Amino acid sequence: MKRMVVHCTVNGHVEEREVDVRRTLADFLREDLGLTGTHLGCEHGACGACTVLVDGRSVRSCLMFAPQVDGCEVRTVEGLGSEEALHPLQQAFWDKHGLQCGFCTPGFLMAAAELLQRSPHPDEAEVREALSGNLCRCTGYQNIVAAVLAAAGQDA
């Protein structure tokens, strides 16, 4: 088993861990760093539950190996806000009922965070396109879209 030391910044904290070169980013985040907000659904990159940001771009952490983030900045749902001060996206999901069981929510939040970084005032079509790679079995998506629009200051 080949191992490598990974140096990265996760949610603003510098991390250095030795990992198996075939360890997924999702397992690295969840098991090595204890950041269990990143959820594993399909483990094939189809559902989007494991979406995180790497250098500001959304990625499926189940499809990426931990050594690939060496030297990178990683942001997970835990890096969005806190219980004391929710991120505007988190607050909007709460206010607009953009979640039910919550399993898919971290992936949706991270995909939406990337969208709002590059397009602070998206229209509904842009929101739907940006979130099209994330699957939810509970909400029917309308409230998720409304939450992203609300976070962008376009209360829907």
N, C-alpha and C. Protein backbone atom coordinates (compact mmCIF):
# COMPACT_ATOMS: atom_id res chain seq x y z
N MET A 1 0.85 -1.17 0.00
CA MET A 1 0.00 0.00 0.00
C MET A 1 0.89 1.23 0.00
N LYS A 2 0.77 2.04 -1.03
CA LYS A 2 1.56 3.27 -1.14
C LYS A 2 0.88 4.38 -0.37
N ARG A 3 1.68 5.16 0.36
CA ARG A 3 1.15 6.25 1.17
C ARG A 3 1.82 7.56 0.77
N MET A 4 1.15 8.65 1.14
CA MET A 4 1.67 9.97 0.81
C MET A 4 1.19 10.95 1.88
N VAL A 5 1.97 11.98 2.12
CA VAL A 5 1.57 13.04 3.04
C VAL A 5 0.83 14.10 2.22
N VAL A 6 -0.36 14.43 2.68
CA VAL A 6 -1.18 15.45 2.03
C VAL A 6 -1.16 16.70 2.90
N HIS A 7 -0.81 17.82 2.29
CA HIS A 7 -0.83 19.14 2.94
C HIS A 7 -1.93 19.94 2.25
N CYS A 8 -2.90 20.39 3.02
CA CYS A 8 -3.98 21.20 2.43
C CYS A 8 -4.58 22.07 3.53
N THR A 9 -5.41 22.99 3.10
CA THR A 9 -6.15 23.83 4.04
C THR A 9 -7.61 23.45 3.93
N VAL A 10 -8.21 23.07 5.05
CA VAL A 10 -9.61 22.66 5.06
C VAL A 10 -10.38 23.59 5.99
N ASN A 11 -11.32 24.30 5.42
CA ASN A 11 -12.13 25.26 6.18
C ASN A 11 -11.26 26.23 6.98
N GLY A 12 -10.15 26.65 6.37
CA GLY A 12 -9.27 27.62 6.99
C GLY A 12 -8.21 27.04 7.91
N HIS A 13 -8.21 25.73 8.12
CA HIS A 13 -7.23 25.09 9.00
C HIS A 13 -6.23 24.31 8.17
N VAL A 14 -4.95 24.51 8.43
CA VAL A 14 -3.91 23.78 7.72
C VAL A 14 -3.90 22.34 8.24
N GLU A 15 -3.93 21.41 7.32
CA GLU A 15 -3.95 19.98 7.67
C GLU A 15 -2.78 19.29 7.00
N GLU A 16 -2.22 18.33 7.68
CA GLU A 16 -1.16 17.49 7.14
C GLU A 16 -1.41 16.08 7.64
N ARG A 17 -1.66 15.17 6.71
CA ARG A 17 -1.95 13.78 7.08
C ARG A 17 -1.31 12.84 6.09
N GLU A 18 -0.85 11.72 6.59
CA GLU A 18 -0.36 10.66 5.71
C GLU A 18 -1.54 9.76 5.39
N VAL A 19 -1.76 9.52 4.10
CA VAL A 19 -2.90 8.71 3.67
C VAL A 19 -2.48 7.73 2.59
N ASP A 20 -3.27 6.71 2.45
CA ASP A 20 -3.12 5.79 1.32
C ASP A 20 -3.40 6.60 0.05
N VAL A 21 -2.62 6.39 -0.99
CA VAL A 21 -2.79 7.19 -2.21
C VAL A 21 -4.14 6.97 -2.87
N ARG A 22 -4.83 5.90 -2.53
CA ARG A 22 -6.14 5.64 -3.13
C ARG A 22 -7.30 6.00 -2.21
N ARG A 23 -7.02 6.70 -1.13
CA ARG A 23 -8.07 7.13 -0.21
C ARG A 23 -8.86 8.25 -0.88
N THR A 24 -10.17 8.15 -0.85
CA THR A 24 -10.97 9.20 -1.46
C THR A 24 -10.96 10.46 -0.59
N LEU A 25 -11.22 11.58 -1.23
CA LEU A 25 -11.32 12.83 -0.49
C LEU A 25 -12.45 12.75 0.53
N ALA A 26 -13.55 12.12 0.16
CA ALA A 26 -14.68 11.98 1.09
C ALA A 26 -14.26 11.23 2.34
N ASP A 27 -13.56 10.12 2.18
CA ASP A 27 -13.11 9.35 3.35
C ASP A 27 -12.08 10.12 4.16
N PHE A 28 -11.20 10.85 3.48
CA PHE A 28 -10.22 11.69 4.16
C PHE A 28 -10.93 12.72 5.03
N LEU A 29 -11.92 13.40 4.47
CA LEU A 29 -12.65 14.42 5.22
C LEU A 29 -13.43 13.81 6.38
N ARG A 30 -14.15 12.75 6.11
CA ARG A 30 -15.02 12.15 7.12
C ARG A 30 -14.24 11.39 8.19
N GLU A 31 -13.35 10.52 7.76
CA GLU A 31 -12.70 9.62 8.70
C GLU A 31 -11.41 10.18 9.30
N ASP A 32 -10.61 10.85 8.50
CA ASP A 32 -9.34 11.37 9.01
C ASP A 32 -9.51 12.71 9.71
N LEU A 33 -10.39 13.56 9.19
CA LEU A 33 -10.56 14.90 9.77
C LEU A 33 -11.82 15.04 10.61
N GLY A 34 -12.69 14.03 10.62
CA GLY A 34 -13.91 14.07 11.43
C GLY A 34 -14.96 15.04 10.93
N LEU A 35 -14.89 15.42 9.66
CA LEU A 35 -15.87 16.36 9.07
C LEU A 35 -16.97 15.54 8.39
N THR A 36 -17.93 15.12 9.18
CA THR A 36 -18.96 14.20 8.69
C THR A 36 -20.13 14.89 8.01
N GLY A 37 -20.06 16.20 7.83
CA GLY A 37 -21.11 16.90 7.10
C GLY A 37 -21.13 16.54 5.62
N THR A 38 -20.00 16.12 5.10
CA THR A 38 -19.93 15.66 3.71
C THR A 38 -20.53 14.27 3.68
N HIS A 39 -21.64 14.10 2.98
CA HIS A 39 -22.34 12.82 2.97
C HIS A 39 -21.98 11.98 1.76
N LEU A 40 -21.99 10.69 1.96
CA LEU A 40 -21.75 9.74 0.88
C LEU A 40 -23.08 9.08 0.53
N GLY A 41 -23.52 9.28 -0.70
CA GLY A 41 -24.77 8.68 -1.15
C GLY A 41 -24.48 7.52 -2.07
N CYS A 42 -24.25 7.82 -3.32
CA CYS A 42 -24.09 6.78 -4.33
C CYS A 42 -22.65 6.28 -4.46
N GLU A 43 -21.69 7.10 -4.07
CA GLU A 43 -20.26 6.81 -4.23
C GLU A 43 -19.85 6.56 -5.68
N HIS A 44 -20.63 7.14 -6.60
CA HIS A 44 -20.33 7.06 -8.04
C HIS A 44 -20.36 8.44 -8.69
N GLY A 45 -20.53 9.50 -7.89
CA GLY A 45 -20.54 10.85 -8.41
C GLY A 45 -21.85 11.30 -9.02
N ALA A 46 -22.90 10.49 -8.88
CA ALA A 46 -24.16 10.82 -9.53
C ALA A 46 -25.11 11.64 -8.67
N CYS A 47 -25.03 11.52 -7.36
CA CYS A 47 -26.05 12.15 -6.51
C CYS A 47 -25.69 13.54 -6.01
N GLY A 48 -24.40 13.84 -5.88
CA GLY A 48 -23.98 15.16 -5.44
C GLY A 48 -23.95 15.37 -3.94
N ALA A 49 -24.32 14.37 -3.14
CA ALA A 49 -24.34 14.54 -1.69
C ALA A 49 -22.96 14.85 -1.12
N CYS A 50 -21.91 14.41 -1.79
CA CYS A 50 -20.55 14.58 -1.29
C CYS A 50 -19.86 15.82 -1.85
N THR A 51 -20.59 16.73 -2.45
CA THR A 51 -20.00 17.91 -3.07
C THR A 51 -19.31 18.79 -2.04
N VAL A 52 -18.07 19.15 -2.35
CA VAL A 52 -17.28 20.10 -1.57
C VAL A 52 -16.62 21.06 -2.56
N LEU A 53 -16.02 22.11 -2.06
CA LEU A 53 -15.29 23.04 -2.92
C LEU A 53 -13.79 22.81 -2.77
N VAL A 54 -13.12 22.68 -3.88
CA VAL A 54 -11.65 22.59 -3.90
C VAL A 54 -11.17 23.77 -4.73
N ASP A 55 -10.43 24.63 -4.08
CA ASP A 55 -9.98 25.88 -4.71
C ASP A 55 -11.15 26.63 -5.36
N GLY A 56 -12.29 26.63 -4.64
CA GLY A 56 -13.45 27.38 -5.08
C GLY A 56 -14.35 26.71 -6.09
N ARG A 57 -13.99 25.51 -6.53
CA ARG A 57 -14.78 24.79 -7.54
C ARG A 57 -15.42 23.56 -6.91
N SER A 58 -16.68 23.31 -7.24
CA SER A 58 -17.35 22.14 -6.67
C SER A 58 -16.82 20.87 -7.30
N VAL A 59 -16.61 19.88 -6.44
CA VAL A 59 -16.14 18.56 -6.87
C VAL A 59 -16.92 17.50 -6.10
N ARG A 60 -16.97 16.33 -6.69
CA ARG A 60 -17.54 15.16 -6.01
C ARG A 60 -16.42 14.52 -5.21
N SER A 61 -16.48 14.62 -3.91
CA SER A 61 -15.38 14.12 -3.08
C SER A 61 -15.28 12.60 -3.09
N CYS A 62 -16.33 11.92 -3.54
CA CYS A 62 -16.25 10.46 -3.65
C CYS A 62 -15.46 10.02 -4.88
N LEU A 63 -15.26 10.93 -5.84
CA LEU A 63 -14.55 10.60 -7.08
C LEU A 63 -13.13 11.13 -7.10
N MET A 64 -12.74 11.84 -6.07
CA MET A 64 -11.43 12.46 -6.03
C MET A 64 -10.59 11.78 -4.96
N PHE A 65 -9.32 11.59 -5.24
CA PHE A 65 -8.43 11.01 -4.25
C PHE A 65 -7.88 12.12 -3.36
N ALA A 66 -7.67 11.80 -2.09
CA ALA A 66 -7.14 12.78 -1.13
C ALA A 66 -5.82 13.39 -1.60
N PRO A 67 -4.88 12.61 -2.16
CA PRO A 67 -3.63 13.24 -2.62
C PRO A 67 -3.83 14.31 -3.69
N GLN A 68 -4.97 14.31 -4.37
CA GLN A 68 -5.22 15.33 -5.39
C GLN A 68 -5.44 16.71 -4.80
N VAL A 69 -5.71 16.81 -3.48
CA VAL A 69 -5.92 18.11 -2.87
C VAL A 69 -4.65 18.62 -2.18
N ASP A 70 -3.54 17.93 -2.40
CA ASP A 70 -2.27 18.39 -1.84
C ASP A 70 -2.00 19.81 -2.35
N GLY A 71 -1.83 20.75 -1.42
CA GLY A 71 -1.58 22.14 -1.78
C GLY A 71 -2.83 22.94 -2.07
N CYS A 72 -3.99 22.35 -1.90
CA CYS A 72 -5.26 23.02 -2.25
C CYS A 72 -5.98 23.52 -1.00
N GLU A 73 -6.99 24.35 -1.28
CA GLU A 73 -7.91 24.80 -0.23
C GLU A 73 -9.22 24.07 -0.43
N VAL A 74 -9.68 23.42 0.63
CA VAL A 74 -10.92 22.64 0.60
C VAL A 74 -11.92 23.30 1.54
N ARG A 75 -13.16 23.40 1.07
CA ARG A 75 -14.22 23.94 1.92
C ARG A 75 -15.37 22.95 1.95
N THR A 76 -15.76 22.57 3.15
CA THR A 76 -16.88 21.66 3.33
C THR A 76 -18.05 22.43 3.93
N VAL A 77 -19.17 21.77 4.09
CA VAL A 77 -20.34 22.42 4.67
C VAL A 77 -20.04 22.96 6.07
N GLU A 78 -19.14 22.31 6.79
CA GLU A 78 -18.78 22.81 8.12
C GLU A 78 -18.08 24.17 8.04
N GLY A 79 -17.53 24.50 6.88
CA GLY A 79 -16.84 25.77 6.69
C GLY A 79 -17.75 26.90 6.25
N LEU A 80 -19.03 26.62 6.07
CA LEU A 80 -19.96 27.68 5.65
C LEU A 80 -20.36 28.59 6.79
N GLY A 81 -20.74 28.03 7.90
CA GLY A 81 -21.22 28.83 9.02
C GLY A 81 -21.11 28.02 10.29
N SER A 82 -21.77 28.49 11.34
CA SER A 82 -21.76 27.78 12.62
C SER A 82 -23.18 27.78 13.18
N GLU A 83 -23.37 27.08 14.28
CA GLU A 83 -24.69 27.07 14.92
C GLU A 83 -25.06 28.47 15.40
N GLU A 84 -24.05 29.23 15.81
CA GLU A 84 -24.28 30.58 16.31
C GLU A 84 -24.53 31.58 15.19
N ALA A 85 -23.93 31.35 14.02
CA ALA A 85 -24.05 32.29 12.90
C ALA A 85 -24.13 31.50 11.60
N LEU A 86 -25.34 31.18 11.20
CA LEU A 86 -25.52 30.44 9.96
C LEU A 86 -25.07 31.27 8.77
N HIS A 87 -24.54 30.60 7.77
CA HIS A 87 -24.24 31.24 6.49
C HIS A 87 -25.58 31.65 5.86
N PRO A 88 -25.62 32.72 5.07
CA PRO A 88 -26.89 33.12 4.45
C PRO A 88 -27.58 31.99 3.67
N LEU A 89 -26.81 31.13 3.03
CA LEU A 89 -27.43 29.98 2.34
C LEU A 89 -28.10 29.04 3.33
N GLN A 90 -27.41 28.75 4.42
CA GLN A 90 -27.99 27.86 5.42
C GLN A 90 -29.27 28.46 6.00
N GLN A 91 -29.24 29.76 6.29
CA GLN A 91 -30.42 30.43 6.83
C GLN A 91 -31.56 30.40 5.82
N ALA A 92 -31.24 30.63 4.57
CA ALA A 92 -32.28 30.63 3.53
C ALA A 92 -32.89 29.23 3.36
N PHE A 93 -32.06 28.18 3.44
CA PHE A 93 -32.59 26.82 3.36
C PHE A 93 -33.55 26.58 4.52
N TRP A 94 -33.20 27.08 5.69
CA TRP A 94 -34.07 26.94 6.87
C TRP A 94 -35.36 27.73 6.66
N ASP A 95 -35.22 29.00 6.28
CA ASP A 95 -36.39 29.87 6.14
C ASP A 95 -37.33 29.43 5.02
N LYS A 96 -36.80 28.93 3.94
CA LYS A 96 -37.61 28.56 2.77
C LYS A 96 -37.95 27.07 2.73
N HIS A 97 -37.63 26.36 3.79
CA HIS A 97 -37.93 24.92 3.87
C HIS A 97 -37.29 24.17 2.71
N GLY A 98 -36.01 24.49 2.45
CA GLY A 98 -35.27 23.86 1.35
C GLY A 98 -34.65 22.54 1.72
N LEU A 99 -35.11 21.95 2.81
CA LEU A 99 -34.59 20.65 3.20
C LEU A 99 -35.69 19.88 3.92
N GLN A 100 -35.58 18.59 3.85
CA GLN A 100 -36.49 17.75 4.63
C GLN A 100 -35.65 16.77 5.44
N CYS A 101 -35.23 15.67 4.84
CA CYS A 101 -34.42 14.73 5.62
C CYS A 101 -33.03 15.28 5.85
N GLY A 102 -32.54 16.15 4.96
CA GLY A 102 -31.25 16.79 5.13
C GLY A 102 -30.07 16.06 4.55
N PHE A 103 -30.25 14.85 4.06
CA PHE A 103 -29.11 14.07 3.57
C PHE A 103 -28.42 14.76 2.40
N CYS A 104 -29.18 15.29 1.47
CA CYS A 104 -28.60 15.92 0.28
C CYS A 104 -28.17 17.36 0.52
N THR A 105 -28.61 17.94 1.61
CA THR A 105 -28.44 19.37 1.86
C THR A 105 -26.99 19.85 1.80
N PRO A 106 -26.02 19.17 2.42
CA PRO A 106 -24.64 19.67 2.33
C PRO A 106 -24.15 19.81 0.88
N GLY A 107 -24.48 18.86 0.04
CA GLY A 107 -24.07 18.95 -1.36
C GLY A 107 -24.74 20.10 -2.08
N PHE A 108 -26.03 20.30 -1.82
CA PHE A 108 -26.74 21.43 -2.42
C PHE A 108 -26.15 22.75 -1.93
N LEU A 109 -25.87 22.85 -0.65
CA LEU A 109 -25.30 24.09 -0.11
C LEU A 109 -23.96 24.42 -0.76
N MET A 110 -23.12 23.41 -0.94
CA MET A 110 -21.81 23.67 -1.52
C MET A 110 -21.90 24.01 -3.00
N ALA A 111 -22.79 23.34 -3.73
CA ALA A 111 -22.99 23.69 -5.14
C ALA A 111 -23.54 25.11 -5.26
N ALA A 112 -24.46 25.46 -4.37
CA ALA A 112 -25.02 26.81 -4.38
C ALA A 112 -23.98 27.85 -3.97
N ALA A 113 -23.12 27.51 -3.04
CA ALA A 113 -22.06 28.44 -2.63
C ALA A 113 -21.14 28.75 -3.80
N GLU A 114 -20.79 27.73 -4.58
CA GLU A 114 -19.96 27.97 -5.76
C GLU A 114 -20.69 28.89 -6.74
N LEU A 115 -21.96 28.61 -6.98
CA LEU A 115 -22.75 29.43 -7.90
C LEU A 115 -22.73 30.89 -7.45
N LEU A 116 -23.02 31.14 -6.18
CA LEU A 116 -23.12 32.52 -5.71
C LEU A 116 -21.76 33.22 -5.67
N GLN A 117 -20.67 32.45 -5.59
CA GLN A 117 -19.34 33.07 -5.68
C GLN A 117 -19.10 33.62 -7.08
N ARG A 118 -19.51 32.87 -8.09
CA ARG A 118 -19.22 33.30 -9.47
C ARG A 118 -20.34 34.15 -10.06
N SER A 119 -21.56 34.01 -9.52
CA SER A 119 -22.70 34.76 -10.03
C SER A 119 -23.58 35.17 -8.84
N PRO A 120 -23.27 36.29 -8.19
CA PRO A 120 -23.96 36.68 -6.96
C PRO A 120 -25.47 36.90 -7.10
N HIS A 121 -25.95 37.15 -8.32
CA HIS A 121 -27.38 37.41 -8.51
C HIS A 121 -27.92 36.56 -9.66
N PRO A 122 -27.91 35.24 -9.49
CA PRO A 122 -28.37 34.36 -10.57
C PRO A 122 -29.88 34.44 -10.74
N ASP A 123 -30.32 34.11 -11.95
CA ASP A 123 -31.76 33.97 -12.14
C ASP A 123 -32.13 32.51 -11.88
N GLU A 124 -33.42 32.22 -11.92
CA GLU A 124 -33.89 30.88 -11.59
C GLU A 124 -33.28 29.82 -12.50
N ALA A 125 -33.14 30.12 -13.77
CA ALA A 125 -32.57 29.15 -14.70
C ALA A 125 -31.12 28.83 -14.34
N GLU A 126 -30.36 29.85 -13.95
CA GLU A 126 -28.97 29.62 -13.55
C GLU A 126 -28.90 28.75 -12.29
N VAL A 127 -29.79 29.00 -11.35
CA VAL A 127 -29.81 28.21 -10.12
C VAL A 127 -30.13 26.75 -10.45
N ARG A 128 -31.16 26.55 -11.25
CA ARG A 128 -31.53 25.18 -11.62
C ARG A 128 -30.39 24.46 -12.35
N GLU A 129 -29.70 25.16 -13.23
CA GLU A 129 -28.57 24.56 -13.95
C GLU A 129 -27.44 24.20 -12.98
N ALA A 130 -27.12 25.12 -12.06
CA ALA A 130 -26.02 24.88 -11.12
C ALA A 130 -26.30 23.73 -10.18
N LEU A 131 -27.56 23.52 -9.87
CA LEU A 131 -27.94 22.46 -8.93
C LEU A 131 -28.36 21.17 -9.62
N SER A 132 -28.32 21.15 -10.93
CA SER A 132 -28.85 20.00 -11.69
C SER A 132 -28.09 18.71 -11.43
N GLY A 133 -26.88 18.78 -10.92
CA GLY A 133 -26.12 17.56 -10.64
C GLY A 133 -26.35 17.01 -9.25
N ASN A 134 -27.22 17.63 -8.48
CA ASN A 134 -27.52 17.17 -7.13
C ASN A 134 -28.93 16.61 -7.08
N LEU A 135 -29.06 15.47 -6.43
CA LEU A 135 -30.35 14.81 -6.36
C LEU A 135 -30.95 14.89 -4.96
N CYS A 136 -32.27 15.09 -4.91
CA CYS A 136 -33.03 15.11 -3.67
C CYS A 136 -34.25 14.23 -3.87
N ARG A 137 -34.52 13.39 -2.89
CA ARG A 137 -35.69 12.52 -3.01
C ARG A 137 -36.87 13.03 -2.19
N CYS A 138 -36.72 14.16 -1.51
CA CYS A 138 -37.77 14.61 -0.60
C CYS A 138 -38.49 15.88 -1.03
N THR A 139 -37.76 16.91 -1.49
CA THR A 139 -38.36 18.24 -1.55
C THR A 139 -39.01 18.62 -2.86
N GLY A 140 -38.67 17.99 -3.94
CA GLY A 140 -39.20 18.42 -5.22
C GLY A 140 -38.48 19.63 -5.79
N TYR A 141 -37.43 20.09 -5.16
CA TYR A 141 -36.50 21.11 -5.65
C TYR A 141 -37.00 22.55 -5.58
N GLN A 142 -38.28 22.81 -5.64
CA GLN A 142 -38.77 24.19 -5.70
C GLN A 142 -38.28 25.02 -4.51
N ASN A 143 -38.37 24.44 -3.32
CA ASN A 143 -37.94 25.19 -2.13
C ASN A 143 -36.42 25.36 -2.08
N ILE A 144 -35.69 24.44 -2.66
CA ILE A 144 -34.23 24.56 -2.73
C ILE A 144 -33.87 25.74 -3.63
N VAL A 145 -34.51 25.81 -4.77
CA VAL A 145 -34.28 26.92 -5.71
C VAL A 145 -34.68 28.24 -5.05
N ALA A 146 -35.82 28.25 -4.38
CA ALA A 146 -36.28 29.47 -3.70
C ALA A 146 -35.28 29.90 -2.63
N ALA A 147 -34.69 28.94 -1.93
CA ALA A 147 -33.71 29.26 -0.89
C ALA A 147 -32.46 29.89 -1.49
N VAL A 148 -31.98 29.37 -2.60
CA VAL A 148 -30.78 29.94 -3.23
C VAL A 148 -31.08 31.34 -3.73
N LEU A 149 -32.24 31.53 -4.32
CA LEU A 149 -32.62 32.88 -4.79
C LEU A 149 -32.74 33.85 -3.62
N ALA A 150 -33.29 33.38 -2.50
CA ALA A 150 -33.41 34.23 -1.32
C ALA A 150 -32.02 34.61 -0.77
N ALA A 151 -31.11 33.65 -0.76
CA ALA A 151 -29.75 33.93 -0.28
C ALA A 151 -29.06 34.94 -1.19
N ALA A 152 -29.46 34.96 -2.45
CA ALA A 152 -28.88 35.91 -3.40
C ALA A 152 -29.61 37.26 -3.35
N GLY A 153 -30.54 37.40 -2.42
CA GLY A 153 -31.26 38.66 -2.26
C GLY A 153 -32.43 38.81 -3.21
N GLN A 154 -32.87 37.70 -3.77
CA GLN A 154 -34.01 37.73 -4.69
C GLN A 154 -35.13 36.90 -4.11
N ASP A 155 -35.60 37.31 -2.97
CA ASP A 155 -36.58 36.51 -2.23
C ASP A 155 -37.67 35.99 -3.15
N ALA A 156 -37.76 34.66 -3.16
CA ALA A 156 -38.74 33.99 -4.04
C ALA A 156 -39.86 33.37 -3.24
